[in-house]
Amino acid sequence: MTRALIIVDVQNDFCEGGSLGVEGGAAVAAGISAHLATHTDHYDHVVATRDLHVDPGEHFDTVAPDFRVSFPPHCEADTAGASFHPALDVRRIEEIFSKGRHEAAFSGFEGWAGLRGEPDDGPRLEDWLRDRNVDEVEVCGIATDFCVLATARDAAERGFATTVLSDLVAAVDASATDEVLGDLRTAGVTIA
């Protein structure tokens, strides 16, 4: 089997102090770095996803975000909030898939390779993985109840053997984590 690690949205705005910071975000960044350091031969490929918003329409709400469809502005292109958290060691990341320039885009499978996250930048995540004969993915990152959920579910639906590393995720609503992980199990995702 060819295995890839998908690191989901470990960005400054999703960690403590960010515009949509989740509790435990910085610890997840450091934990992923430690995991990579101790699993050097475990992964054939390592990729990352990121929000890179320009004008995502109703996804941004500065007055009354509902934290389901609308959120405070976050991960805007060309801002420090869109950068990966400094505790995340990015040296092993082979490709970055940017998503959400003009829409919400929760799943990494909605992203495009390259710096801008546009169709002419490069392939989508699924095509990139298939071109490298990846058949197994492990997913970690932020947020368990949104982008990790969507990315892991999409990976399983596309036929990848999918595992979520539950000690390397953080949620917007931590009280929903058990339910989210249960939903993922129902979708055929292994929880480790």
C-alpha atoms as a PDB file:
ATOM      1  CA  MET A   1       0.000   0.000   0.000  1.00  0.00           C
ATOM      2  CA  THR A   2       1.062   3.567  -0.654  1.00  0.00           C
ATOM      3  CA  ARG A   3       0.161   5.832   2.278  1.00  0.00           C
ATOM      4  CA  ALA A   4      -0.198   9.610   2.503  1.00  0.00           C
ATOM      5  CA  LEU A   5      -0.720  11.920   5.462  1.00  0.00           C
ATOM      6  CA  ILE A   6      -3.184  14.738   4.819  1.00  0.00           C
ATOM      7  CA  ILE A   7      -2.649  17.653   7.211  1.00  0.00           C
ATOM      8  CA  VAL A   8      -5.830  19.718   7.228  1.00  0.00           C
ATOM      9  CA  ASP A   9      -5.833  23.514   7.724  1.00  0.00           C
ATOM     10  CA  VAL A  10      -3.268  23.925  10.529  1.00  0.00           C
ATOM     11  CA  GLN A  11      -3.294  27.678  10.029  1.00  0.00           C
ATOM     12  CA  ASN A  12      -2.795  30.619  12.359  1.00  0.00           C
ATOM     13  CA  ASP A  13      -6.421  31.759  12.191  1.00  0.00           C
ATOM     14  CA  PHE A  14      -7.592  28.307  13.352  1.00  0.00           C
ATOM     15  CA  CYS A  15      -5.257  28.219  16.359  1.00  0.00           C
ATOM     16  CA  GLU A  16      -5.470  30.096  19.633  1.00  0.00           C
ATOM     17  CA  GLY A  17      -5.308  33.850  19.042  1.00  0.00           C
ATOM     18  CA  GLY A  18      -6.578  33.549  15.473  1.00  0.00           C
ATOM     19  CA  SER A  19      -9.823  35.014  14.187  1.00  0.00           C
ATOM     20  CA  LEU A  20     -11.458  31.554  14.372  1.00  0.00           C
ATOM     21  CA  GLY A  21      -9.088  29.949  16.854  1.00  0.00           C
ATOM     22  CA  VAL A  22      -9.988  26.586  18.347  1.00  0.00           C
ATOM     23  CA  GLU A  23      -8.805  25.347  21.705  1.00  0.00           C
ATOM     24  CA  GLY A  24      -5.928  22.957  21.209  1.00  0.00           C
ATOM     25  CA  GLY A  25      -5.009  24.171  17.722  1.00  0.00           C
ATOM     26  CA  ALA A  26      -1.407  25.024  18.591  1.00  0.00           C
ATOM     27  CA  ALA A  27      -1.019  21.681  20.370  1.00  0.00           C
ATOM     28  CA  VAL A  28      -2.264  19.906  17.242  1.00  0.00           C
ATOM     29  CA  ALA A  29       0.355  21.759  15.166  1.00  0.00           C
ATOM     30  CA  ALA A  30       3.135  20.709  17.544  1.00  0.00           C
ATOM     31  CA  GLY A  31       1.720  17.182  17.810  1.00  0.00           C
ATOM     32  CA  ILE A  32       1.716  16.709  14.047  1.00  0.00           C
ATOM     33  CA  SER A  33       5.340  17.841  13.896  1.00  0.00           C
ATOM     34  CA  ALA A  34       6.283  15.349  16.613  1.00  0.00           C
ATOM     35  CA  HIS A  35       4.299  12.615  14.851  1.00  0.00           C
ATOM     36  CA  LEU A  36       6.159  13.243  11.588  1.00  0.00           C
ATOM     37  CA  ALA A  37       9.494  13.185  13.407  1.00  0.00           C
ATOM     38  CA  THR A  38       8.775   9.753  14.891  1.00  0.00           C
ATOM     39  CA  HIS A  39       7.086   8.285  11.790  1.00  0.00           C
ATOM     40  CA  THR A  40       9.679   9.130   9.162  1.00  0.00           C
ATOM     41  CA  ASP A  41       9.166   5.905   7.187  1.00  0.00           C
ATOM     42  CA  HIS A  42       5.415   5.557   7.777  1.00  0.00           C
ATOM     43  CA  TYR A  43       4.307   7.876   4.961  1.00  0.00           C
ATOM     44  CA  ASP A  44       5.160   7.764   1.286  1.00  0.00           C
ATOM     45  CA  HIS A  45       3.734  11.267   0.838  1.00  0.00           C
ATOM     46  CA  VAL A  46       2.737  14.195   3.052  1.00  0.00           C
ATOM     47  CA  VAL A  47       0.384  16.920   1.834  1.00  0.00           C
ATOM     48  CA  ALA A  48      -1.448  19.803   3.466  1.00  0.00           C
ATOM     49  CA  THR A  49      -4.665  21.665   2.815  1.00  0.00           C
ATOM     50  CA  ARG A  50      -5.434  25.258   3.674  1.00  0.00           C
ATOM     51  CA  ASP A  51      -8.234  27.757   3.466  1.00  0.00           C
ATOM     52  CA  LEU A  52      -7.235  30.646   1.220  1.00  0.00           C
ATOM     53  CA  HIS A  53     -10.225  32.961   1.050  1.00  0.00           C
ATOM     54  CA  VAL A  54     -10.587  36.002  -1.195  1.00  0.00           C
ATOM     55  CA  ASP A  55     -14.339  36.570  -1.378  1.00  0.00           C
ATOM     56  CA  PRO A  56     -16.210  33.506  -0.087  1.00  0.00           C
ATOM     57  CA  GLY A  57     -19.612  35.215  -0.031  1.00  0.00           C
ATOM     58  CA  GLU A  58     -21.967  34.145   2.781  1.00  0.00           C
ATOM     59  CA  HIS A  59     -19.203  32.054   4.368  1.00  0.00           C
ATOM     60  CA  PHE A  60     -17.971  35.293   6.003  1.00  0.00           C
ATOM     61  CA  ASP A  61     -20.241  37.158   8.408  1.00  0.00           C
ATOM     62  CA  THR A  62     -18.782  39.991  10.489  1.00  0.00           C
ATOM     63  CA  VAL A  63     -22.041  40.683  12.374  1.00  0.00           C
ATOM     64  CA  ALA A  64     -23.722  37.441  13.418  1.00  0.00           C
ATOM     65  CA  PRO A  65     -21.928  34.310  12.204  1.00  0.00           C
ATOM     66  CA  ASP A  66     -23.843  31.097  12.954  1.00  0.00           C
ATOM     67  CA  PHE A  67     -20.708  28.875  13.073  1.00  0.00           C
ATOM     68  CA  ARG A  68     -22.387  26.333  10.789  1.00  0.00           C
ATOM     69  CA  VAL A  69     -22.591  28.114   7.429  1.00  0.00           C
ATOM     70  CA  SER A  70     -21.144  31.524   8.254  1.00  0.00           C
ATOM     71  CA  PHE A  71     -18.013  32.347  10.244  1.00  0.00           C
ATOM     72  CA  PRO A  72     -15.944  35.389  11.165  1.00  0.00           C
ATOM     73  CA  PRO A  73     -13.505  36.291   8.373  1.00  0.00           C
ATOM     74  CA  HIS A  74     -10.492  33.948   8.466  1.00  0.00           C
ATOM     75  CA  CYS A  75      -7.561  32.687   6.411  1.00  0.00           C
ATOM     76  CA  GLU A  76      -7.773  35.552   3.952  1.00  0.00           C
ATOM     77  CA  ALA A  77      -5.231  35.421   1.135  1.00  0.00           C
ATOM     78  CA  ASP A  78      -2.036  37.377   1.798  1.00  0.00           C
ATOM     79  CA  THR A  79      -2.592  37.614   5.564  1.00  0.00           C
ATOM     80  CA  ALA A  80      -0.648  36.071   8.444  1.00  0.00           C
ATOM     81  CA  GLY A  81      -3.826  34.251   9.494  1.00  0.00           C
ATOM     82  CA  ALA A  82      -3.683  32.122   6.339  1.00  0.00           C
ATOM     83  CA  SER A  83      -0.121  30.965   7.065  1.00  0.00           C
ATOM     84  CA  PHE A  84       0.599  27.602   8.629  1.00  0.00           C
ATOM     85  CA  HIS A  85       1.065  27.726  12.395  1.00  0.00           C
ATOM     86  CA  PRO A  86       4.755  28.101  13.310  1.00  0.00           C
ATOM     87  CA  ALA A  87       4.671  24.916  15.411  1.00  0.00           C
ATOM     88  CA  LEU A  88       3.881  22.891  12.276  1.00  0.00           C
ATOM     89  CA  ASP A  89       7.065  21.564  10.676  1.00  0.00           C
ATOM     90  CA  VAL A  90       6.366  22.003   6.966  1.00  0.00           C
ATOM     91  CA  ARG A  91       9.591  20.466   5.630  1.00  0.00           C
ATOM     92  CA  ARG A  92       7.991  17.122   4.687  1.00  0.00           C
ATOM     93  CA  ILE A  93       4.971  18.661   2.965  1.00  0.00           C
ATOM     94  CA  GLU A  94       5.248  17.892  -0.757  1.00  0.00           C
ATOM     95  CA  GLU A  95       2.213  19.809  -1.946  1.00  0.00           C
ATOM     96  CA  ILE A  96      -0.308  22.298  -0.576  1.00  0.00           C
ATOM     97  CA  PHE A  97      -3.935  22.258  -1.709  1.00  0.00           C
ATOM     98  CA  SER A  98      -5.662  25.627  -1.344  1.00  0.00           C
ATOM     99  CA  LYS A  99      -9.431  25.872  -1.183  1.00  0.00           C
ATOM    100  CA  GLY A 100     -12.215  28.381  -0.772  1.00  0.00           C
ATOM    101  CA  ARG A 101     -11.142  31.424  -2.751  1.00  0.00           C
ATOM    102  CA  HIS A 102     -14.742  32.243  -3.663  1.00  0.00           C
ATOM    103  CA  GLU A 103     -16.772  29.714  -1.643  1.00  0.00           C
ATOM    104  CA  ALA A 104     -16.793  27.934   1.704  1.00  0.00           C
ATOM    105  CA  ALA A 105     -14.909  24.722   0.650  1.00  0.00           C
ATOM    106  CA  PHE A 106     -14.542  22.513   3.729  1.00  0.00           C
ATOM    107  CA  SER A 107     -12.999  19.423   2.112  1.00  0.00           C
ATOM    108  CA  GLY A 108      -9.381  19.266   1.013  1.00  0.00           C
ATOM    109  CA  PHE A 109     -10.682  17.457  -2.056  1.00  0.00           C
ATOM    110  CA  GLU A 110     -12.165  20.784  -3.190  1.00  0.00           C
ATOM    111  CA  GLY A 111      -8.712  22.364  -3.284  1.00  0.00           C
ATOM    112  CA  TRP A 112      -6.177  22.812  -6.039  1.00  0.00           C
ATOM    113  CA  ALA A 113      -2.417  22.372  -5.857  1.00  0.00           C
ATOM    114  CA  GLY A 114      -0.338  25.518  -6.132  1.00  0.00           C
ATOM    115  CA  LEU A 115      -0.050  28.874  -4.470  1.00  0.00           C
ATOM    116  CA  ARG A 116      -3.375  30.412  -5.477  1.00  0.00           C
ATOM    117  CA  GLY A 117      -5.814  27.520  -5.263  1.00  0.00           C
ATOM    118  CA  GLU A 118      -7.099  28.098  -8.778  1.00  0.00           C
ATOM    119  CA  PRO A 119      -7.849  25.443 -11.427  1.00  0.00           C
ATOM    120  CA  ASP A 120      -4.891  26.486 -13.578  1.00  0.00           C
ATOM    121  CA  ASP A 121      -2.444  26.070 -10.690  1.00  0.00           C
ATOM    122  CA  GLY A 122      -2.339  22.301 -10.671  1.00  0.00           C
ATOM    123  CA  PRO A 123      -4.298  19.136  -9.942  1.00  0.00           C
ATOM    124  CA  ARG A 124      -6.935  18.533  -7.331  1.00  0.00           C
ATOM    125  CA  LEU A 125      -6.014  16.450  -4.277  1.00  0.00           C
ATOM    126  CA  GLU A 126      -7.638  13.246  -5.553  1.00  0.00           C
ATOM    127  CA  ASP A 127      -5.781  13.387  -8.867  1.00  0.00           C
ATOM    128  CA  TRP A 128      -2.476  14.145  -7.136  1.00  0.00           C
ATOM    129  CA  LEU A 129      -2.896  11.144  -4.821  1.00  0.00           C
ATOM    130  CA  ARG A 130      -3.950   8.797  -7.636  1.00  0.00           C
ATOM    131  CA  ASP A 131      -1.027   9.899  -9.810  1.00  0.00           C
ATOM    132  CA  ARG A 132       1.219   8.629  -6.984  1.00  0.00           C
ATOM    133  CA  ASN A 133      -0.729   5.372  -6.514  1.00  0.00           C
ATOM    134  CA  VAL A 134      -1.849   6.348  -3.010  1.00  0.00           C
ATOM    135  CA  ASP A 135      -4.543   4.015  -1.714  1.00  0.00           C
ATOM    136  CA  GLU A 136      -4.398   4.768   2.012  1.00  0.00           C
ATOM    137  CA  VAL A 137      -4.626   8.156   3.735  1.00  0.00           C
ATOM    138  CA  GLU A 138      -4.358   9.303   7.319  1.00  0.00           C
ATOM    139  CA  VAL A 139      -6.007  12.613   8.162  1.00  0.00           C
ATOM    140  CA  CYS A 140      -5.202  15.068  10.972  1.00  0.00           C
ATOM    141  CA  GLY A 141      -5.595  18.785  11.639  1.00  0.00           C
ATOM    142  CA  ILE A 142      -8.259  21.402  12.250  1.00  0.00           C
ATOM    143  CA  ALA A 143     -11.221  21.403  12.684  1.00  0.00           C
ATOM    144  CA  THR A 144     -12.550  17.953  13.527  1.00  0.00           C
ATOM    145  CA  ASP A 145     -16.164  18.997  13.045  1.00  0.00           C
ATOM    146  CA  PHE A 146     -15.688  20.789   9.720  1.00  0.00           C
ATOM    147  CA  CYS A 147     -12.677  20.402   7.436  1.00  0.00           C
ATOM    148  CA  VAL A 148     -11.261  17.200   8.943  1.00  0.00           C
ATOM    149  CA  LEU A 149     -14.740  15.664   8.807  1.00  0.00           C
ATOM    150  CA  ALA A 150     -15.323  16.714   5.192  1.00  0.00           C
ATOM    151  CA  THR A 151     -11.850  15.689   4.005  1.00  0.00           C
ATOM    152  CA  ALA A 152     -11.934  12.266   5.685  1.00  0.00           C
ATOM    153  CA  ARG A 153     -15.468  11.549   4.481  1.00  0.00           C
ATOM    154  CA  ASP A 154     -14.556  12.536   0.919  1.00  0.00           C
ATOM    155  CA  ALA A 155     -11.420  10.375   1.033  1.00  0.00           C
ATOM    156  CA  ALA A 156     -13.451   7.335   2.092  1.00  0.00           C
ATOM    157  CA  GLU A 157     -16.146   8.037  -0.526  1.00  0.00           C
ATOM    158  CA  ARG A 158     -13.428   8.133  -3.194  1.00  0.00           C
ATOM    159  CA  GLY A 159     -12.212   4.677  -2.181  1.00  0.00           C
ATOM    160  CA  PHE A 160      -9.140   5.537  -0.132  1.00  0.00           C
ATOM    161  CA  ALA A 161      -8.619   3.475   3.027  1.00  0.00           C
ATOM    162  CA  THR A 162      -9.012   6.376   5.461  1.00  0.00           C
ATOM    163  CA  THR A 163      -7.943   6.831   9.077  1.00  0.00           C
ATOM    164  CA  VAL A 164      -8.397   9.914  11.263  1.00  0.00           C
ATOM    165  CA  LEU A 165      -5.671  10.374  13.880  1.00  0.00           C
ATOM    166  CA  SER A 166      -7.950  11.402  16.747  1.00  0.00           C
ATOM    167  CA  ASP A 167      -5.131  12.628  18.981  1.00  0.00           C
ATOM    168  CA  LEU A 168      -4.025  15.069  16.257  1.00  0.00           C
ATOM    169  CA  VAL A 169      -7.277  16.971  15.694  1.00  0.00           C
ATOM    170  CA  ALA A 170      -9.091  19.865  17.382  1.00  0.00           C
ATOM    171  CA  ALA A 171     -12.728  20.918  17.009  1.00  0.00           C
ATOM    172  CA  VAL A 172     -14.635  24.187  16.852  1.00  0.00           C
ATOM    173  CA  ASP A 173     -17.246  22.542  19.097  1.00  0.00           C
ATOM    174  CA  ALA A 174     -15.342  20.041  21.239  1.00  0.00           C
ATOM    175  CA  SER A 175     -18.619  18.693  22.656  1.00  0.00           C
ATOM    176  CA  ALA A 176     -19.494  17.400  19.164  1.00  0.00           C
ATOM    177  CA  THR A 177     -16.267  15.410  18.700  1.00  0.00           C
ATOM    178  CA  ASP A 178     -17.667  12.010  19.720  1.00  0.00           C
ATOM    179  CA  GLU A 179     -20.645  12.448  17.397  1.00  0.00           C
ATOM    180  CA  VAL A 180     -18.400  13.525  14.512  1.00  0.00           C
ATOM    181  CA  LEU A 181     -16.064  10.569  15.009  1.00  0.00           C
ATOM    182  CA  GLY A 182     -19.101   8.278  15.134  1.00  0.00           C
ATOM    183  CA  ASP A 183     -20.357   9.721  11.852  1.00  0.00           C
ATOM    184  CA  LEU A 184     -16.947   9.091  10.316  1.00  0.00           C
ATOM    185  CA  ARG A 185     -16.943   5.467  11.515  1.00  0.00           C
ATOM    186  CA  THR A 186     -20.350   5.033   9.889  1.00  0.00           C
ATOM    187  CA  ALA A 187     -18.842   6.405   6.654  1.00  0.00           C
ATOM    188  CA  GLY A 188     -16.147   3.716   6.757  1.00  0.00           C
ATOM    189  CA  VAL A 189     -13.355   5.790   8.294  1.00  0.00           C
ATOM    190  CA  THR A 190     -11.088   4.188  10.879  1.00  0.00           C
ATOM    191  CA  ILE A 191     -10.492   6.251  14.016  1.00  0.00           C
ATOM    192  CA  ALA A 192      -7.056   5.758  15.548  1.00  0.00           C
END
